[in-house]
Amino acid sequence: MSATIHRPPLRAVPFRAPTARLALKPVSPSPGRAELDGAWWPRSRDLAHELAALADVLDPLWGRITRIAVNPRYWPILPPKFYVNGHVVKVGWFTSELDPHTILLLSYTAGRWDLLVIPPETSAPSAARLMAAASAGAGPPMTATALITAEQAIGTSSSYETTADRPGRLAVGM
């Protein structure tokens, strides 16, 4: 008696470029925990939608993301869990324990990763500087809020608003 196995024909899957704007630190063999492992610049404040794009890039590199933790200050909607790439990601939030400009990602295979979250409304030059600073392999470790504050202090022309009664006042929209 012989068995017949039906195999579906192969199909072409179109290439899809990663949509996450992400910069990661190089992997270093040095012991100790860095303050940040890189930076992420989401396009919106829709965490469920933005995390899908982030997981598309990070799942193959780090392994499946199973949990995240955020500070809810800048995320208007925090579902307790949602589906990303066919698996459940559980969401935790902490108001005082977690830097408001950080997202903590957990993976069973890679452990913990902390990323600076650059506000979506940040100008491209400012975001590029922040991504470079957060993903630099050398230099003193800085917190996410310290990096954001330092960038705001630079006061680039794109982050100033000019009005008749308050010329040159720093406009910070988070």
C-alpha atoms as a PDB file:
ATOM      1  CA  MET A   1       0.000   0.000   0.000  1.00  0.00           C
ATOM      2  CA  SER A   2       1.363   3.402  -0.900  1.00  0.00           C
ATOM      3  CA  ALA A   3       0.547   6.781   0.565  1.00  0.00           C
ATOM      4  CA  THR A   4      -0.110   9.806  -1.550  1.00  0.00           C
ATOM      5  CA  ILE A   5       0.955  13.136  -0.111  1.00  0.00           C
ATOM      6  CA  HIS A   6      -0.518  16.238  -1.618  1.00  0.00           C
ATOM      7  CA  ARG A   7       1.843  19.202  -1.496  1.00  0.00           C
ATOM      8  CA  PRO A   8       0.507  22.596  -2.481  1.00  0.00           C
ATOM      9  CA  PRO A   9       2.449  24.368  -5.207  1.00  0.00           C
ATOM     10  CA  LEU A  10       5.030  26.926  -4.147  1.00  0.00           C
ATOM     11  CA  ARG A  11       3.920  30.507  -4.363  1.00  0.00           C
ATOM     12  CA  ALA A  12       5.932  33.666  -4.621  1.00  0.00           C
ATOM     13  CA  VAL A  13       5.758  35.965  -1.617  1.00  0.00           C
ATOM     14  CA  PRO A  14       6.395  39.601  -2.476  1.00  0.00           C
ATOM     15  CA  PHE A  15       9.290  41.276  -0.722  1.00  0.00           C
ATOM     16  CA  ARG A  16       8.152  43.782   1.866  1.00  0.00           C
ATOM     17  CA  ALA A  17      10.668  46.321   3.095  1.00  0.00           C
ATOM     18  CA  PRO A  18      10.760  46.803   6.870  1.00  0.00           C
ATOM     19  CA  THR A  19       8.627  49.729   7.935  1.00  0.00           C
ATOM     20  CA  ALA A  20      10.049  50.209  11.424  1.00  0.00           C
ATOM     21  CA  ARG A  21      12.425  53.129  11.855  1.00  0.00           C
ATOM     22  CA  LEU A  22      14.940  51.507  14.149  1.00  0.00           C
ATOM     23  CA  ALA A  23      18.595  51.814  15.175  1.00  0.00           C
ATOM     24  CA  LEU A  24      20.205  49.157  17.373  1.00  0.00           C
ATOM     25  CA  LYS A  25      23.470  49.079  19.290  1.00  0.00           C
ATOM     26  CA  PRO A  26      26.038  46.632  18.008  1.00  0.00           C
ATOM     27  CA  VAL A  27      26.169  43.434  20.009  1.00  0.00           C
ATOM     28  CA  SER A  28      29.062  43.668  22.414  1.00  0.00           C
ATOM     29  CA  PRO A  29      30.624  40.897  24.461  1.00  0.00           C
ATOM     30  CA  SER A  30      31.234  43.253  27.379  1.00  0.00           C
ATOM     31  CA  PRO A  31      29.482  42.360  30.631  1.00  0.00           C
ATOM     32  CA  GLY A  32      26.972  44.645  32.258  1.00  0.00           C
ATOM     33  CA  ARG A  33      23.735  46.149  31.135  1.00  0.00           C
ATOM     34  CA  ALA A  34      23.619  49.254  28.951  1.00  0.00           C
ATOM     35  CA  GLU A  35      20.954  51.840  29.656  1.00  0.00           C
ATOM     36  CA  LEU A  36      19.527  51.610  26.114  1.00  0.00           C
ATOM     37  CA  ASP A  37      19.839  49.000  23.384  1.00  0.00           C
ATOM     38  CA  GLY A  38      18.862  51.365  20.585  1.00  0.00           C
ATOM     39  CA  ALA A  39      16.102  53.686  19.411  1.00  0.00           C
ATOM     40  CA  TRP A  40      12.729  53.329  17.721  1.00  0.00           C
ATOM     41  CA  TRP A  41      10.890  56.123  15.899  1.00  0.00           C
ATOM     42  CA  PRO A  42       7.229  55.090  15.490  1.00  0.00           C
ATOM     43  CA  ARG A  43       5.055  56.862  12.924  1.00  0.00           C
ATOM     44  CA  SER A  44       2.060  57.247  15.269  1.00  0.00           C
ATOM     45  CA  ARG A  45       0.904  56.731  18.844  1.00  0.00           C
ATOM     46  CA  ASP A  46      -1.102  53.617  17.906  1.00  0.00           C
ATOM     47  CA  LEU A  47       0.933  51.083  19.875  1.00  0.00           C
ATOM     48  CA  ALA A  48      -0.742  47.961  18.478  1.00  0.00           C
ATOM     49  CA  HIS A  49      -0.181  49.055  14.878  1.00  0.00           C
ATOM     50  CA  GLU A  50       3.351  50.322  15.434  1.00  0.00           C
ATOM     51  CA  LEU A  51       4.443  47.243  17.366  1.00  0.00           C
ATOM     52  CA  ALA A  52       3.537  45.027  14.412  1.00  0.00           C
ATOM     53  CA  ALA A  53       6.075  46.856  12.236  1.00  0.00           C
ATOM     54  CA  LEU A  54       8.665  46.689  15.016  1.00  0.00           C
ATOM     55  CA  ALA A  55       8.110  42.961  15.527  1.00  0.00           C
ATOM     56  CA  ASP A  56       8.540  42.349  11.779  1.00  0.00           C
ATOM     57  CA  VAL A  57      12.137  43.502  12.188  1.00  0.00           C
ATOM     58  CA  LEU A  58      12.945  42.272  15.701  1.00  0.00           C
ATOM     59  CA  ASP A  59      11.333  38.810  15.730  1.00  0.00           C
ATOM     60  CA  PRO A  60      13.848  37.388  13.220  1.00  0.00           C
ATOM     61  CA  LEU A  61      16.771  39.065  15.026  1.00  0.00           C
ATOM     62  CA  TRP A  62      15.893  38.493  18.685  1.00  0.00           C
ATOM     63  CA  GLY A  63      13.244  35.826  18.656  1.00  0.00           C
ATOM     64  CA  ARG A  64       9.549  36.189  19.274  1.00  0.00           C
ATOM     65  CA  ILE A  65       8.587  39.225  21.335  1.00  0.00           C
ATOM     66  CA  THR A  66       6.241  37.972  24.053  1.00  0.00           C
ATOM     67  CA  ARG A  67       5.820  40.953  26.365  1.00  0.00           C
ATOM     68  CA  ILE A  68       6.286  44.687  26.301  1.00  0.00           C
ATOM     69  CA  ALA A  69       6.158  47.325  28.989  1.00  0.00           C
ATOM     70  CA  VAL A  70       5.616  51.031  28.445  1.00  0.00           C
ATOM     71  CA  ASN A  71       4.857  54.127  30.428  1.00  0.00           C
ATOM     72  CA  PRO A  72       1.290  55.119  29.415  1.00  0.00           C
ATOM     73  CA  ARG A  73       2.062  58.867  29.345  1.00  0.00           C
ATOM     74  CA  TYR A  74       2.500  58.972  25.551  1.00  0.00           C
ATOM     75  CA  TRP A  75       0.410  55.986  24.481  1.00  0.00           C
ATOM     76  CA  PRO A  76      -3.326  56.826  24.529  1.00  0.00           C
ATOM     77  CA  ILE A  77      -4.556  53.217  24.207  1.00  0.00           C
ATOM     78  CA  LEU A  78      -2.921  50.270  25.973  1.00  0.00           C
ATOM     79  CA  PRO A  79      -4.678  46.981  25.342  1.00  0.00           C
ATOM     80  CA  PRO A  80      -3.739  44.207  27.802  1.00  0.00           C
ATOM     81  CA  LYS A  81      -2.631  42.051  24.854  1.00  0.00           C
ATOM     82  CA  PHE A  82      -2.747  41.951  21.080  1.00  0.00           C
ATOM     83  CA  TYR A  83      -1.633  39.751  18.214  1.00  0.00           C
ATOM     84  CA  VAL A  84       1.593  40.393  16.316  1.00  0.00           C
ATOM     85  CA  ASN A  85       2.762  38.076  13.534  1.00  0.00           C
ATOM     86  CA  GLY A  86       0.364  35.358  14.657  1.00  0.00           C
ATOM     87  CA  HIS A  87       1.286  35.319  18.337  1.00  0.00           C
ATOM     88  CA  VAL A  88       0.099  37.089  21.467  1.00  0.00           C
ATOM     89  CA  VAL A  89       2.097  39.971  22.928  1.00  0.00           C
ATOM     90  CA  LYS A  90       1.136  40.908  26.470  1.00  0.00           C
ATOM     91  CA  VAL A  91       1.313  44.564  27.452  1.00  0.00           C
ATOM     92  CA  GLY A  92       2.294  45.910  30.843  1.00  0.00           C
ATOM     93  CA  TRP A  93       2.507  49.517  31.889  1.00  0.00           C
ATOM     94  CA  PHE A  94       4.268  51.308  34.683  1.00  0.00           C
ATOM     95  CA  THR A  95       3.938  54.996  35.489  1.00  0.00           C
ATOM     96  CA  SER A  96       6.799  55.604  37.896  1.00  0.00           C
ATOM     97  CA  GLU A  97       9.065  52.593  37.351  1.00  0.00           C
ATOM     98  CA  LEU A  98       9.603  53.022  33.603  1.00  0.00           C
ATOM     99  CA  ASP A  99      11.019  56.020  31.750  1.00  0.00           C
ATOM    100  CA  PRO A 100       8.198  57.569  29.657  1.00  0.00           C
ATOM    101  CA  HIS A 101      10.454  57.592  26.571  1.00  0.00           C
ATOM    102  CA  THR A 102      11.330  53.887  26.786  1.00  0.00           C
ATOM    103  CA  ILE A 103       9.755  50.672  25.594  1.00  0.00           C
ATOM    104  CA  LEU A 104      10.871  47.442  27.227  1.00  0.00           C
ATOM    105  CA  LEU A 105      10.686  44.348  25.013  1.00  0.00           C
ATOM    106  CA  LEU A 106      10.942  40.799  26.330  1.00  0.00           C
ATOM    107  CA  SER A 107      11.741  37.680  24.343  1.00  0.00           C
ATOM    108  CA  TYR A 108      12.153  34.142  25.628  1.00  0.00           C
ATOM    109  CA  THR A 109      15.267  33.657  23.524  1.00  0.00           C
ATOM    110  CA  ALA A 110      17.010  37.036  23.753  1.00  0.00           C
ATOM    111  CA  GLY A 111      15.921  38.382  27.118  1.00  0.00           C
ATOM    112  CA  ARG A 112      15.304  42.066  27.708  1.00  0.00           C
ATOM    113  CA  TRP A 113      15.789  45.000  25.361  1.00  0.00           C
ATOM    114  CA  ASP A 114      15.216  48.666  26.189  1.00  0.00           C
ATOM    115  CA  LEU A 115      14.634  51.084  23.326  1.00  0.00           C
ATOM    116  CA  LEU A 116      14.389  54.853  23.309  1.00  0.00           C
ATOM    117  CA  VAL A 117      11.009  55.810  21.840  1.00  0.00           C
ATOM    118  CA  ILE A 118      11.398  58.943  19.748  1.00  0.00           C
ATOM    119  CA  PRO A 119       8.096  60.856  19.612  1.00  0.00           C
ATOM    120  CA  PRO A 120       6.413  60.454  16.192  1.00  0.00           C
ATOM    121  CA  GLU A 121       6.179  64.207  15.674  1.00  0.00           C
ATOM    122  CA  THR A 122       9.953  64.686  16.006  1.00  0.00           C
ATOM    123  CA  SER A 123      11.671  66.253  12.995  1.00  0.00           C
ATOM    124  CA  ALA A 124      13.844  63.986  10.851  1.00  0.00           C
ATOM    125  CA  PRO A 125      17.152  65.697  11.775  1.00  0.00           C
ATOM    126  CA  SER A 126      16.375  65.485  15.504  1.00  0.00           C
ATOM    127  CA  ALA A 127      15.275  61.859  15.197  1.00  0.00           C
ATOM    128  CA  ALA A 128      18.477  60.997  13.325  1.00  0.00           C
ATOM    129  CA  ARG A 129      20.597  62.534  16.107  1.00  0.00           C
ATOM    130  CA  LEU A 130      18.595  60.709  18.788  1.00  0.00           C
ATOM    131  CA  MET A 131      18.843  57.381  16.956  1.00  0.00           C
ATOM    132  CA  ALA A 132      22.591  57.803  16.547  1.00  0.00           C
ATOM    133  CA  ALA A 133      23.056  58.698  20.215  1.00  0.00           C
ATOM    134  CA  ALA A 134      20.918  55.811  21.503  1.00  0.00           C
ATOM    135  CA  SER A 135      22.573  53.232  19.254  1.00  0.00           C
ATOM    136  CA  ALA A 136      26.156  54.397  19.738  1.00  0.00           C
ATOM    137  CA  GLY A 137      28.368  51.588  20.942  1.00  0.00           C
ATOM    138  CA  ALA A 138      30.625  53.915  22.921  1.00  0.00           C
ATOM    139  CA  GLY A 139      30.164  56.810  25.288  1.00  0.00           C
ATOM    140  CA  PRO A 140      28.547  57.159  28.660  1.00  0.00           C
ATOM    141  CA  PRO A 141      25.168  55.476  29.072  1.00  0.00           C
ATOM    142  CA  MET A 142      22.253  57.905  29.116  1.00  0.00           C
ATOM    143  CA  THR A 143      18.612  57.452  29.991  1.00  0.00           C
ATOM    144  CA  ALA A 144      15.950  57.945  27.347  1.00  0.00           C
ATOM    145  CA  THR A 145      14.623  61.106  28.988  1.00  0.00           C
ATOM    146  CA  ALA A 146      18.165  62.517  29.250  1.00  0.00           C
ATOM    147  CA  LEU A 147      18.642  62.026  25.499  1.00  0.00           C
ATOM    148  CA  ILE A 148      15.286  63.631  24.665  1.00  0.00           C
ATOM    149  CA  THR A 149      16.017  66.562  27.010  1.00  0.00           C
ATOM    150  CA  ALA A 150      19.475  67.073  25.512  1.00  0.00           C
ATOM    151  CA  GLU A 151      18.015  67.087  22.005  1.00  0.00           C
ATOM    152  CA  GLN A 152      15.356  69.617  22.993  1.00  0.00           C
ATOM    153  CA  ALA A 153      18.058  71.833  24.494  1.00  0.00           C
ATOM    154  CA  ILE A 154      19.890  71.947  21.162  1.00  0.00           C
ATOM    155  CA  GLY A 155      16.963  74.011  19.920  1.00  0.00           C
ATOM    156  CA  THR A 156      17.152  73.314  16.214  1.00  0.00           C
ATOM    157  CA  SER A 157      15.227  75.643  13.945  1.00  0.00           C
ATOM    158  CA  SER A 158      12.576  72.982  13.333  1.00  0.00           C
ATOM    159  CA  SER A 159      11.705  72.837  17.032  1.00  0.00           C
ATOM    160  CA  TYR A 160      11.035  76.539  17.500  1.00  0.00           C
ATOM    161  CA  GLU A 161       7.787  78.291  16.931  1.00  0.00           C
ATOM    162  CA  THR A 162       7.734  81.992  16.254  1.00  0.00           C
ATOM    163  CA  THR A 163       4.766  84.088  17.238  1.00  0.00           C
ATOM    164  CA  ALA A 164       4.438  87.845  17.489  1.00  0.00           C
ATOM    165  CA  ASP A 165       4.199  87.847  21.270  1.00  0.00           C
ATOM    166  CA  ARG A 166       6.705  85.034  21.976  1.00  0.00           C
ATOM    167  CA  PRO A 167       9.432  84.858  19.318  1.00  0.00           C
ATOM    168  CA  GLY A 168      11.730  81.851  19.458  1.00  0.00           C
ATOM    169  CA  ARG A 169       9.872  80.014  22.187  1.00  0.00           C
ATOM    170  CA  LEU A 170      10.661  76.312  22.308  1.00  0.00           C
ATOM    171  CA  ALA A 171       7.698  74.259  21.127  1.00  0.00           C
ATOM    172  CA  VAL A 172       7.796  70.761  22.492  1.00  0.00           C
ATOM    173  CA  GLY A 173       5.003  68.459  21.431  1.00  0.00           C
ATOM    174  CA  MET A 174       5.074  65.006  22.968  1.00  0.00           C
END
